[in-house]
Amino acid sequence: MVDDETQIRTMLSLMLEQEGYTVDTAENGEEGLSLVGRHTFDLVITDMIMPVKDGLKFIMELVRDYPALKVLAISGGGAIKAERYLTMAGYLGDIATLEKPFKREVLLAMVKKLIASE
């Protein structure tokens, strides 16, 4: 789970851990890449708008270096609407997207589907 907002990371981590998933977190794409380089993951959930290394750069590097890794991009928007950030993420490969705010059930269903599609 990669998001610069501590509250979002904590909330999503708890939500996923309650469902039995093991969750590692990072504050930005650079920290996320470091984690992915050291561990094996079934899925990366990443925000799009973050300091240091944003979601687009992070996803581009994941697609290049870990093409089999499943990615779920999430965004609430910023300077441009969330759907535009998420559309750009989709152009980078087989990237699942979800616009914030989202319902717990929707996120959990997407995570389950993505992990099952391995």
Protein backbone atom coordinates (compact mmCIF):
# COMPACT_ATOMS: atom_id res chain seq x y z
CA MET A 1 0.00 0.00 0.00
CA VAL A 2 1.67 3.19 -1.21
CA ASP A 3 0.10 6.52 -0.24
CA ASP A 4 1.53 9.75 1.14
CA GLU A 5 -1.42 10.22 3.52
CA THR A 6 -0.82 8.39 6.81
CA GLN A 7 -4.55 8.17 7.53
CA ILE A 8 -5.28 6.50 4.17
CA ARG A 9 -2.38 4.02 4.57
CA THR A 10 -3.54 3.12 8.08
CA MET A 11 -7.22 2.77 7.13
CA LEU A 12 -6.55 0.64 4.05
CA SER A 13 -3.98 -1.50 5.85
CA LEU A 14 -6.40 -2.26 8.68
CA MET A 15 -9.20 -2.97 6.21
CA LEU A 16 -7.05 -5.44 4.28
CA GLU A 17 -5.50 -7.04 7.37
CA GLN A 18 -9.01 -7.69 8.76
CA GLU A 19 -9.59 -9.74 5.60
CA GLY A 20 -6.45 -11.79 6.21
CA TYR A 21 -4.03 -9.98 3.89
CA THR A 22 -0.49 -9.09 4.94
CA VAL A 23 0.19 -5.43 4.18
CA ASP A 24 3.41 -3.43 3.88
CA THR A 25 3.23 0.32 3.45
CA ALA A 26 5.27 3.11 1.89
CA GLU A 27 4.84 6.91 1.75
CA ASN A 28 5.78 7.39 -1.89
CA GLY A 29 6.79 5.61 -5.07
CA GLU A 30 10.48 5.64 -4.19
CA GLU A 31 9.84 3.82 -0.90
CA GLY A 32 7.41 1.55 -2.72
CA LEU A 33 10.04 0.54 -5.29
CA SER A 34 12.46 -0.22 -2.49
CA LEU A 35 9.90 -2.53 -0.85
CA VAL A 36 9.07 -4.28 -4.13
CA GLY A 37 12.79 -4.81 -4.72
CA ARG A 38 13.21 -6.53 -1.34
CA HIS A 39 9.97 -8.54 -1.06
CA THR A 40 7.52 -10.49 -3.20
CA PHE A 41 4.01 -9.07 -3.43
CA ASP A 42 0.78 -10.31 -5.00
CA LEU A 43 -0.53 -6.78 -5.48
CA VAL A 44 0.57 -3.15 -5.18
CA ILE A 45 -2.06 -0.53 -4.36
CA THR A 46 -0.77 2.96 -5.07
CA ASP A 47 -2.04 6.49 -4.87
CA MET A 48 -1.33 8.63 -7.92
CA ILE A 49 -0.48 11.99 -6.37
CA MET A 50 2.50 11.77 -4.00
CA PRO A 51 5.71 13.69 -3.36
CA VAL A 52 9.19 12.34 -4.18
CA LYS A 53 7.96 9.83 -6.83
CA ASP A 54 4.34 10.04 -7.92
CA GLY A 55 2.09 7.18 -8.90
CA LEU A 56 2.65 7.47 -12.66
CA LYS A 57 6.44 7.25 -12.37
CA PHE A 58 6.11 4.46 -9.81
CA ILE A 59 3.74 2.45 -12.03
CA MET A 60 5.96 2.98 -15.11
CA GLU A 61 8.90 1.49 -13.22
CA LEU A 62 6.79 -1.38 -11.84
CA VAL A 63 5.51 -2.25 -15.34
CA ARG A 64 9.06 -2.13 -16.72
CA ASP A 65 10.81 -4.05 -13.92
CA TYR A 66 8.00 -6.31 -12.59
CA PRO A 67 5.62 -6.87 -15.52
CA ALA A 68 3.74 -9.71 -13.81
CA LEU A 69 2.97 -7.68 -10.68
CA LYS A 70 -0.68 -6.67 -10.28
CA VAL A 71 -1.26 -2.95 -9.67
CA LEU A 72 -4.31 -1.09 -8.39
CA ALA A 73 -4.07 2.69 -8.84
CA ILE A 74 -6.24 4.89 -6.62
CA SER A 75 -6.76 8.64 -6.75
CA GLY A 76 -8.95 11.38 -5.40
CA GLY A 77 -7.61 13.84 -7.93
CA GLY A 78 -5.59 16.99 -7.55
CA ALA A 79 -4.76 19.63 -10.14
CA ILE A 80 -6.73 17.51 -12.60
CA LYS A 81 -9.66 15.18 -11.98
CA ALA A 82 -9.01 11.74 -10.48
CA GLU A 83 -10.39 9.99 -13.56
CA ARG A 84 -7.69 11.61 -15.72
CA TYR A 85 -4.89 10.39 -13.43
CA LEU A 86 -6.42 6.93 -13.44
CA THR A 87 -6.86 6.95 -17.22
CA MET A 88 -3.17 7.79 -17.59
CA ALA A 89 -2.30 4.89 -15.26
CA GLY A 90 -4.37 2.56 -17.46
CA TYR A 91 -2.31 3.55 -20.50
CA LEU A 92 0.77 2.11 -18.81
CA GLY A 93 -0.47 -1.47 -18.93
CA ASP A 94 -3.01 -3.76 -17.33
CA ILE A 95 -3.57 -1.46 -14.38
CA ALA A 96 -6.76 -1.64 -12.31
CA THR A 97 -8.08 1.73 -11.14
CA LEU A 98 -10.35 2.98 -8.39
CA GLU A 99 -11.43 6.57 -7.70
CA LYS A 100 -11.47 7.88 -4.11
CA PRO A 101 -13.67 7.90 -2.17
CA PHE A 102 -14.65 4.27 -2.59
CA LYS A 103 -16.67 1.79 -0.59
CA ARG A 104 -14.89 -0.85 1.47
CA GLU A 105 -16.72 -3.64 -0.35
CA VAL A 106 -15.65 -2.33 -3.75
CA LEU A 107 -11.97 -2.17 -2.76
CA LEU A 108 -12.04 -5.64 -1.20
CA ALA A 109 -13.78 -7.14 -4.23
CA MET A 110 -11.16 -5.61 -6.56
CA VAL A 111 -8.28 -6.85 -4.40
CA LYS A 112 -9.73 -10.35 -4.28
CA LYS A 113 -10.30 -10.39 -8.06
CA LEU A 114 -6.82 -9.09 -8.86
CA ILE A 115 -5.07 -11.57 -6.59
CA ALA A 116 -7.21 -14.46 -7.89
CA SER A 117 -6.30 -13.60 -11.49
CA GLU A 118 -2.65 -14.58 -11.03
